[in-house]
Amino acid sequence: MRYGTETKLSTSAVLDRVSEYFGEGGLGLAETSRDACCISLEGGGGDVTVTVTEGDKTSVDVETREWDYQVKKFLADKLR
């Protein structure tokens, strides 16, 4: 499933929040890749990939398998 939103946060802030929420200290997914605009995590039979694009506002695109509920919660709670 794919989800998206916009935020006032910077790209690096978004990626840090994704890592904290979904990663080892949060839901326990393993970070499989990360660069200046993207982060991918896997675990629990699924995955989460986040791509961030900065413009007037920062666009956040999320593609997930098996983590839909948590992605929706993250987008609603952690990027405001």
PDB file of N, CA and C in Angstrom:
ATOM      1  N   MET A   1       0.847  -1.166   0.000  1.00  0.00           N
ATOM      2  CA  MET A   1       0.000   0.000   0.000  1.00  0.00           C
ATOM      3  C   MET A   1       0.895   1.232   0.000  1.00  0.00           C
ATOM      4  N   ARG A   2       0.387   2.307  -0.580  1.00  0.00           N
ATOM      5  CA  ARG A   2       1.134   3.571  -0.632  1.00  0.00           C
ATOM      6  C   ARG A   2       0.360   4.652   0.115  1.00  0.00           C
ATOM      7  N   TYR A   3       1.115   5.485   0.820  1.00  0.00           N
ATOM      8  CA  TYR A   3       0.545   6.601   1.568  1.00  0.00           C
ATOM      9  C   TYR A   3       1.420   7.827   1.350  1.00  0.00           C
ATOM     10  N   GLY A   4       0.862   8.999   1.565  1.00  0.00           N
ATOM     11  CA  GLY A   4       1.634  10.222   1.431  1.00  0.00           C
ATOM     12  C   GLY A   4       1.064  11.341   2.269  1.00  0.00           C
ATOM     13  N   THR A   5       1.925  12.302   2.579  1.00  0.00           N
ATOM     14  CA  THR A   5       1.517  13.484   3.316  1.00  0.00           C
ATOM     15  C   THR A   5       2.548  14.574   3.077  1.00  0.00           C
ATOM     16  N   GLU A   6       2.279  15.754   3.604  1.00  0.00           N
ATOM     17  CA  GLU A   6       3.226  16.859   3.576  1.00  0.00           C
ATOM     18  C   GLU A   6       3.492  17.293   5.001  1.00  0.00           C
ATOM     19  N   THR A   7       4.684  17.844   5.240  1.00  0.00           N
ATOM     20  CA  THR A   7       5.060  18.301   6.568  1.00  0.00           C
ATOM     21  C   THR A   7       5.959  19.518   6.456  1.00  0.00           C
ATOM     22  N   LYS A   8       6.129  20.228   7.548  1.00  0.00           N
ATOM     23  CA  LYS A   8       7.047  21.355   7.604  1.00  0.00           C
ATOM     24  C   LYS A   8       8.444  20.907   8.036  1.00  0.00           C
ATOM     25  N   LEU A   9       8.579  19.652   8.444  1.00  0.00           N
ATOM     26  CA  LEU A   9       9.864  19.126   8.902  1.00  0.00           C
ATOM     27  C   LEU A   9      10.851  18.994   7.748  1.00  0.00           C
ATOM     28  N   SER A  10      12.132  19.018   8.064  1.00  0.00           N
ATOM     29  CA  SER A  10      13.170  18.812   7.054  1.00  0.00           C
ATOM     30  C   SER A  10      13.257  17.325   6.697  1.00  0.00           C
ATOM     31  N   THR A  11      13.918  17.043   5.596  1.00  0.00           N
ATOM     32  CA  THR A  11      14.113  15.658   5.178  1.00  0.00           C
ATOM     33  C   THR A  11      14.805  14.846   6.260  1.00  0.00           C
ATOM     34  N   SER A  12      15.888  15.363   6.809  1.00  0.00           N
ATOM     35  CA  SER A  12      16.627  14.612   7.823  1.00  0.00           C
ATOM     36  C   SER A  12      15.793  14.382   9.074  1.00  0.00           C
ATOM     37  N   ALA A  13      14.962  15.337   9.462  1.00  0.00           N
ATOM     38  CA  ALA A  13      14.096  15.157  10.624  1.00  0.00           C
ATOM     39  C   ALA A  13      13.069  14.058  10.376  1.00  0.00           C
ATOM     40  N   VAL A  14      12.500  14.022   9.177  1.00  0.00           N
ATOM     41  CA  VAL A  14      11.543  12.976   8.827  1.00  0.00           C
ATOM     42  C   VAL A  14      12.213  11.610   8.893  1.00  0.00           C
ATOM     43  N   LEU A  15      13.383  11.485   8.267  1.00  0.00           N
ATOM     44  CA  LEU A  15      14.077  10.198   8.258  1.00  0.00           C
ATOM     45  C   LEU A  15      14.462   9.747   9.667  1.00  0.00           C
ATOM     46  N   ASP A  16      14.877  10.681  10.509  1.00  0.00           N
ATOM     47  CA  ASP A  16      15.199  10.344  11.898  1.00  0.00           C
ATOM     48  C   ASP A  16      13.969   9.838  12.637  1.00  0.00           C
ATOM     49  N   ARG A  17      12.831  10.486  12.423  1.00  0.00           N
ATOM     50  CA  ARG A  17      11.597  10.055  13.091  1.00  0.00           C
ATOM     51  C   ARG A  17      11.144   8.686  12.599  1.00  0.00           C
ATOM     52  N   VAL A  18      11.310   8.429  11.309  1.00  0.00           N
ATOM     53  CA  VAL A  18      10.980   7.111  10.764  1.00  0.00           C
ATOM     54  C   VAL A  18      11.847   6.052  11.440  1.00  0.00           C
ATOM     55  N   SER A  19      13.144   6.312  11.517  1.00  0.00           N
ATOM     56  CA  SER A  19      14.077   5.367  12.128  1.00  0.00           C
ATOM     57  C   SER A  19      13.735   5.108  13.593  1.00  0.00           C
ATOM     58  N   GLU A  20      13.433   6.161  14.332  1.00  0.00           N
ATOM     59  CA  GLU A  20      13.089   6.025  15.748  1.00  0.00           C
ATOM     60  C   GLU A  20      11.793   5.244  15.937  1.00  0.00           C
ATOM     61  N   TYR A  21      10.796   5.516  15.126  1.00  0.00           N
ATOM     62  CA  TYR A  21       9.478   4.904  15.287  1.00  0.00           C
ATOM     63  C   TYR A  21       9.461   3.440  14.847  1.00  0.00           C
ATOM     64  N   PHE A  22      10.016   3.176  13.669  1.00  0.00           N
ATOM     65  CA  PHE A  22       9.943   1.830  13.106  1.00  0.00           C
ATOM     66  C   PHE A  22      11.170   0.980  13.418  1.00  0.00           C
ATOM     67  N   GLY A  23      12.302   1.602  13.717  1.00  0.00           N
ATOM     68  CA  GLY A  23      13.560   0.892  13.877  1.00  0.00           C
ATOM     69  C   GLY A  23      13.723   0.144  15.184  1.00  0.00           C
ATOM     70  N   GLU A  24      14.976  -0.210  15.475  1.00  0.00           N
ATOM     71  CA  GLU A  24      15.330  -1.050  16.620  1.00  0.00           C
ATOM     72  C   GLU A  24      14.763  -0.539  17.946  1.00  0.00           C
ATOM     73  N   GLY A  25      14.784   0.764  18.180  1.00  0.00           N
ATOM     74  CA  GLY A  25      14.283   1.315  19.434  1.00  0.00           C
ATOM     75  C   GLY A  25      12.777   1.490  19.484  1.00  0.00           C
ATOM     76  N   GLY A  26      12.112   1.269  18.353  1.00  0.00           N
ATOM     77  CA  GLY A  26      10.659   1.439  18.276  1.00  0.00           C
ATOM     78  C   GLY A  26       9.974   0.110  18.045  1.00  0.00           C
ATOM     79  N   LEU A  27       9.476  -0.071  16.831  1.00  0.00           N
ATOM     80  CA  LEU A  27       8.740  -1.300  16.503  1.00  0.00           C
ATOM     81  C   LEU A  27       9.655  -2.483  16.173  1.00  0.00           C
ATOM     82  N   GLY A  28      10.958  -2.242  16.093  1.00  0.00           N
ATOM     83  CA  GLY A  28      11.913  -3.323  15.949  1.00  0.00           C
ATOM     84  C   GLY A  28      12.256  -3.754  14.539  1.00  0.00           C
ATOM     85  N   LEU A  29      11.898  -2.960  13.542  1.00  0.00           N
ATOM     86  CA  LEU A  29      12.273  -3.304  12.174  1.00  0.00           C
ATOM     87  C   LEU A  29      13.763  -3.011  11.964  1.00  0.00           C
ATOM     88  N   ALA A  30      14.383  -3.780  11.093  1.00  0.00           N
ATOM     89  CA  ALA A  30      15.799  -3.590  10.787  1.00  0.00           C
ATOM     90  C   ALA A  30      15.941  -2.623   9.622  1.00  0.00           C
ATOM     91  N   GLU A  31      16.798  -1.634   9.792  1.00  0.00           N
ATOM     92  CA  GLU A  31      17.070  -0.665   8.731  1.00  0.00           C
ATOM     93  C   GLU A  31      17.929  -1.349   7.672  1.00  0.00           C
ATOM     94  N   THR A  32      17.410  -1.417   6.442  1.00  0.00           N
ATOM     95  CA  THR A  32      18.139  -2.095   5.369  1.00  0.00           C
ATOM     96  C   THR A  32      18.873  -1.135   4.449  1.00  0.00           C
ATOM     97  N   SER A  33      18.402   0.107   4.374  1.00  0.00           N
ATOM     98  CA  SER A  33      19.133   1.121   3.602  1.00  0.00           C
ATOM     99  C   SER A  33      18.677   2.507   4.033  1.00  0.00           C
ATOM    100  N   ARG A  34      19.597   3.457   3.844  1.00  0.00           N
ATOM    101  CA  ARG A  34      19.279   4.855   4.144  1.00  0.00           C
ATOM    102  C   ARG A  34      20.240   5.735   3.363  1.00  0.00           C
ATOM    103  N   ASP A  35      19.676   6.780   2.748  1.00  0.00           N
ATOM    104  CA  ASP A  35      20.509   7.792   2.105  1.00  0.00           C
ATOM    105  C   ASP A  35      19.893   9.151   2.395  1.00  0.00           C
ATOM    106  N   ALA A  36      20.250  10.166   1.655  1.00  0.00           N
ATOM    107  CA  ALA A  36      19.822  11.535   1.952  1.00  0.00           C
ATOM    108  C   ALA A  36      18.324  11.769   1.814  1.00  0.00           C
ATOM    109  N   CYS A  37      17.614  10.899   1.066  1.00  0.00           N
ATOM    110  CA  CYS A  37      16.185  11.134   0.843  1.00  0.00           C
ATOM    111  C   CYS A  37      15.294   9.949   1.180  1.00  0.00           C
ATOM    112  N   CYS A  38      15.891   8.803   1.490  1.00  0.00           N
ATOM    113  CA  CYS A  38      15.088   7.583   1.611  1.00  0.00           C
ATOM    114  C   CYS A  38      15.565   6.711   2.768  1.00  0.00           C
ATOM    115  N   ILE A  39      14.632   5.913   3.282  1.00  0.00           N
ATOM    116  CA  ILE A  39      14.980   4.918   4.287  1.00  0.00           C
ATOM    117  C   ILE A  39      14.090   3.700   4.064  1.00  0.00           C
ATOM    118  N   SER A  40      14.657   2.526   4.217  1.00  0.00           N
ATOM    119  CA  SER A  40      13.908   1.276   4.090  1.00  0.00           C
ATOM    120  C   SER A  40      14.163   0.428   5.320  1.00  0.00           C
ATOM    121  N   LEU A  41      13.094  -0.193   5.820  1.00  0.00           N
ATOM    122  CA  LEU A  41      13.195  -1.069   6.979  1.00  0.00           C
ATOM    123  C   LEU A  41      12.396  -2.334   6.706  1.00  0.00           C
ATOM    124  N   GLU A  42      12.819  -3.458   7.320  1.00  0.00           N
ATOM    125  CA  GLU A  42      12.138  -4.733   7.140  1.00  0.00           C
ATOM    126  C   GLU A  42      11.975  -5.421   8.480  1.00  0.00           C
ATOM    127  N   GLY A  43      10.931  -6.248   8.569  1.00  0.00           N
ATOM    128  CA  GLY A  43      10.726  -7.059   9.752  1.00  0.00           C
ATOM    129  C   GLY A  43       9.277  -7.449   9.895  1.00  0.00           C
ATOM    130  N   GLY A  44       9.028  -8.466  10.693  1.00  0.00           N
ATOM    131  CA  GLY A  44       7.661  -8.899  10.953  1.00  0.00           C
ATOM    132  C   GLY A  44       6.918  -9.343   9.712  1.00  0.00           C
ATOM    133  N   GLY A  45       7.631  -9.825   8.714  1.00  0.00           N
ATOM    134  CA  GLY A  45       6.988 -10.276   7.492  1.00  0.00           C
ATOM    135  C   GLY A  45       6.616  -9.173   6.526  1.00  0.00           C
ATOM    136  N   GLY A  46       7.109  -7.971   6.766  1.00  0.00           N
ATOM    137  CA  GLY A  46       6.776  -6.861   5.881  1.00  0.00           C
ATOM    138  C   GLY A  46       7.903  -5.859   5.793  1.00  0.00           C
ATOM    139  N   ASP A  47       7.594  -4.703   5.232  1.00  0.00           N
ATOM    140  CA  ASP A  47       8.606  -3.662   5.066  1.00  0.00           C
ATOM    141  C   ASP A  47       7.962  -2.287   4.999  1.00  0.00           C
ATOM    142  N   VAL A  48       8.805  -1.278   5.189  1.00  0.00           N
ATOM    143  CA  VAL A  48       8.397   0.124   5.097  1.00  0.00           C
ATOM    144  C   VAL A  48       9.500   0.855   4.349  1.00  0.00           C
ATOM    145  N   THR A  49       9.143   1.591   3.290  1.00  0.00           N
ATOM    146  CA  THR A  49      10.095   2.422   2.561  1.00  0.00           C
ATOM    147  C   THR A  49       9.540   3.834   2.500  1.00  0.00           C
ATOM    148  N   VAL A  50      10.350   4.796   2.920  1.00  0.00           N
ATOM    149  CA  VAL A  50       9.930   6.197   2.963  1.00  0.00           C
ATOM    150  C   VAL A  50      10.849   7.008   2.058  1.00  0.00           C
ATOM    151  N   THR A  51      10.234   7.811   1.179  1.00  0.00           N
ATOM    152  CA  THR A  51      10.955   8.714   0.293  1.00  0.00           C
ATOM    153  C   THR A  51      10.496  10.136   0.596  1.00  0.00           C
ATOM    154  N   VAL A  52      11.455  11.033   0.786  1.00  0.00           N
ATOM    155  CA  VAL A  52      11.149  12.409   1.166  1.00  0.00           C
ATOM    156  C   VAL A  52      11.657  13.351   0.077  1.00  0.00           C
ATOM    157  N   THR A  53      10.817  14.311  -0.315  1.00  0.00           N
ATOM    158  CA  THR A  53      11.171  15.299  -1.322  1.00  0.00           C
ATOM    159  C   THR A  53      10.880  16.685  -0.758  1.00  0.00           C
ATOM    160  N   GLU A  54      11.890  17.542  -0.735  1.00  0.00           N
ATOM    161  CA  GLU A  54      11.691  18.893  -0.215  1.00  0.00           C
ATOM    162  C   GLU A  54      11.334  19.855  -1.338  1.00  0.00           C
ATOM    163  N   GLY A  55      10.396  20.736  -1.039  1.00  0.00           N
ATOM    164  CA  GLY A  55       9.973  21.803  -1.929  1.00  0.00           C
ATOM    165  C   GLY A  55       9.443  22.909  -1.047  1.00  0.00           C
ATOM    166  N   ASP A  56       8.307  23.519  -1.434  1.00  0.00           N
ATOM    167  CA  ASP A  56       7.669  24.498  -0.551  1.00  0.00           C
ATOM    168  C   ASP A  56       7.325  23.845   0.775  1.00  0.00           C
ATOM    169  N   LYS A  57       6.837  22.624   0.698  1.00  0.00           N
ATOM    170  CA  LYS A  57       6.634  21.775   1.862  1.00  0.00           C
ATOM    171  C   LYS A  57       7.355  20.471   1.587  1.00  0.00           C
ATOM    172  N   THR A  58       7.613  19.721   2.615  1.00  0.00           N
ATOM    173  CA  THR A  58       8.297  18.441   2.459  1.00  0.00           C
ATOM    174  C   THR A  58       7.255  17.358   2.192  1.00  0.00           C
ATOM    175  N   SER A  59       7.393  16.672   1.067  1.00  0.00           N
ATOM    176  CA  SER A  59       6.492  15.564   0.717  1.00  0.00           C
ATOM    177  C   SER A  59       7.067  14.264   1.251  1.00  0.00           C
ATOM    178  N   VAL A  60       6.209  13.465   1.863  1.00  0.00           N
ATOM    179  CA  VAL A  60       6.609  12.181   2.428  1.00  0.00           C
ATOM    180  C   VAL A  60       5.764  11.107   1.764  1.00  0.00           C
ATOM    181  N   ASP A  61       6.422  10.185   1.060  1.00  0.00           N
ATOM    182  CA  ASP A  61       5.752   9.069   0.406  1.00  0.00           C
ATOM    183  C   ASP A  61       6.193   7.784   1.092  1.00  0.00           C
ATOM    184  N   VAL A  62       5.212   6.952   1.453  1.00  0.00           N
ATOM    185  CA  VAL A  62       5.493   5.716   2.162  1.00  0.00           C
ATOM    186  C   VAL A  62       4.895   4.547   1.402  1.00  0.00           C
ATOM    187  N   GLU A  63       5.709   3.535   1.199  1.00  0.00           N
ATOM    188  CA  GLU A  63       5.233   2.286   0.616  1.00  0.00           C
ATOM    189  C   GLU A  63       5.446   1.204   1.671  1.00  0.00           C
ATOM    190  N   THR A  64       4.403   0.412   1.941  1.00  0.00           N
ATOM    191  CA  THR A  64       4.501  -0.574   3.002  1.00  0.00           C
ATOM    192  C   THR A  64       3.788  -1.869   2.646  1.00  0.00           C
ATOM    193  N   ARG A  65       4.233  -2.906   3.302  1.00  0.00           N
ATOM    194  CA  ARG A  65       3.573  -4.205   3.233  1.00  0.00           C
ATOM    195  C   ARG A  65       3.515  -4.726   4.662  1.00  0.00           C
ATOM    196  N   GLU A  66       2.324  -5.018   5.148  1.00  0.00           N
ATOM    197  CA  GLU A  66       2.069  -5.573   6.480  1.00  0.00           C
ATOM    198  C   GLU A  66       2.162  -4.574   7.632  1.00  0.00           C
ATOM    199  N   TRP A  67       2.466  -3.316   7.377  1.00  0.00           N
ATOM    200  CA  TRP A  67       2.594  -2.315   8.435  1.00  0.00           C
ATOM    201  C   TRP A  67       1.656  -1.128   8.206  1.00  0.00           C
ATOM    202  N   ASP A  68       0.535  -1.356   7.541  1.00  0.00           N
ATOM    203  CA  ASP A  68      -0.382  -0.265   7.190  1.00  0.00           C
ATOM    204  C   ASP A  68      -0.891   0.512   8.406  1.00  0.00           C
ATOM    205  N   TYR A  69      -1.345  -0.194   9.422  1.00  0.00           N
ATOM    206  CA  TYR A  69      -1.884   0.478  10.607  1.00  0.00           C
ATOM    207  C   TYR A  69      -0.828   1.390  11.230  1.00  0.00           C
ATOM    208  N   GLN A  70       0.391   0.863  11.390  1.00  0.00           N
ATOM    209  CA  GLN A  70       1.464   1.626  12.019  1.00  0.00           C
ATOM    210  C   GLN A  70       1.894   2.804  11.152  1.00  0.00           C
ATOM    211  N   VAL A  71       1.893   2.638   9.839  1.00  0.00           N
ATOM    212  CA  VAL A  71       2.237   3.745   8.940  1.00  0.00           C
ATOM    213  C   VAL A  71       1.202   4.855   9.060  1.00  0.00           C
ATOM    214  N   LYS A  72      -0.078   4.496   9.056  1.00  0.00           N
ATOM    215  CA  LYS A  72      -1.127   5.528   9.203  1.00  0.00           C
ATOM    216  C   LYS A  72      -0.979   6.264  10.525  1.00  0.00           C
ATOM    217  N   LYS A  73      -0.696   5.547  11.593  1.00  0.00           N
ATOM    218  CA  LYS A  73      -0.510   6.159  12.908  1.00  0.00           C
ATOM    219  C   LYS A  73       0.715   7.081  12.899  1.00  0.00           C
ATOM    220  N   PHE A  74       1.800   6.630  12.306  1.00  0.00           N
ATOM    221  CA  PHE A  74       3.008   7.447  12.211  1.00  0.00           C
ATOM    222  C   PHE A  74       2.733   8.746  11.460  1.00  0.00           C
ATOM    223  N   LEU A  75       2.093   8.645  10.305  1.00  0.00           N
ATOM    224  CA  LEU A  75       1.810   9.843   9.504  1.00  0.00           C
ATOM    225  C   LEU A  75       0.905  10.813  10.251  1.00  0.00           C
ATOM    226  N   ALA A  76      -0.033  10.304  11.014  1.00  0.00           N
ATOM    227  CA  ALA A  76      -0.965  11.166  11.744  1.00  0.00           C
ATOM    228  C   ALA A  76      -0.325  11.790  13.001  1.00  0.00           C
ATOM    229  N   ASP A  77       0.550  11.038  13.664  1.00  0.00           N
ATOM    230  CA  ASP A  77       1.060  11.467  14.980  1.00  0.00           C
ATOM    231  C   ASP A  77       2.456  12.065  14.980  1.00  0.00           C
ATOM    232  N   LYS A  78       3.331  11.621  14.098  1.00  0.00           N
ATOM    233  CA  LYS A  78       4.751  11.958  14.237  1.00  0.00           C
ATOM    234  C   LYS A  78       5.272  13.021  13.268  1.00  0.00           C
ATOM    235  N   LEU A  79       4.470  13.427  12.296  1.00  0.00           N
ATOM    236  CA  LEU A  79       4.974  14.413  11.318  1.00  0.00           C
ATOM    237  C   LEU A  79       4.280  15.760  11.425  1.00  0.00           C
ATOM    238  N   ARG A  80       3.536  15.984  12.439  1.00  0.00           N
ATOM    239  CA  ARG A  80       2.835  17.267  12.634  1.00  0.00           C
ATOM    240  C   ARG A  80       3.688  18.268  13.330  1.00  0.00           C
TER     241      ARG A  80
END
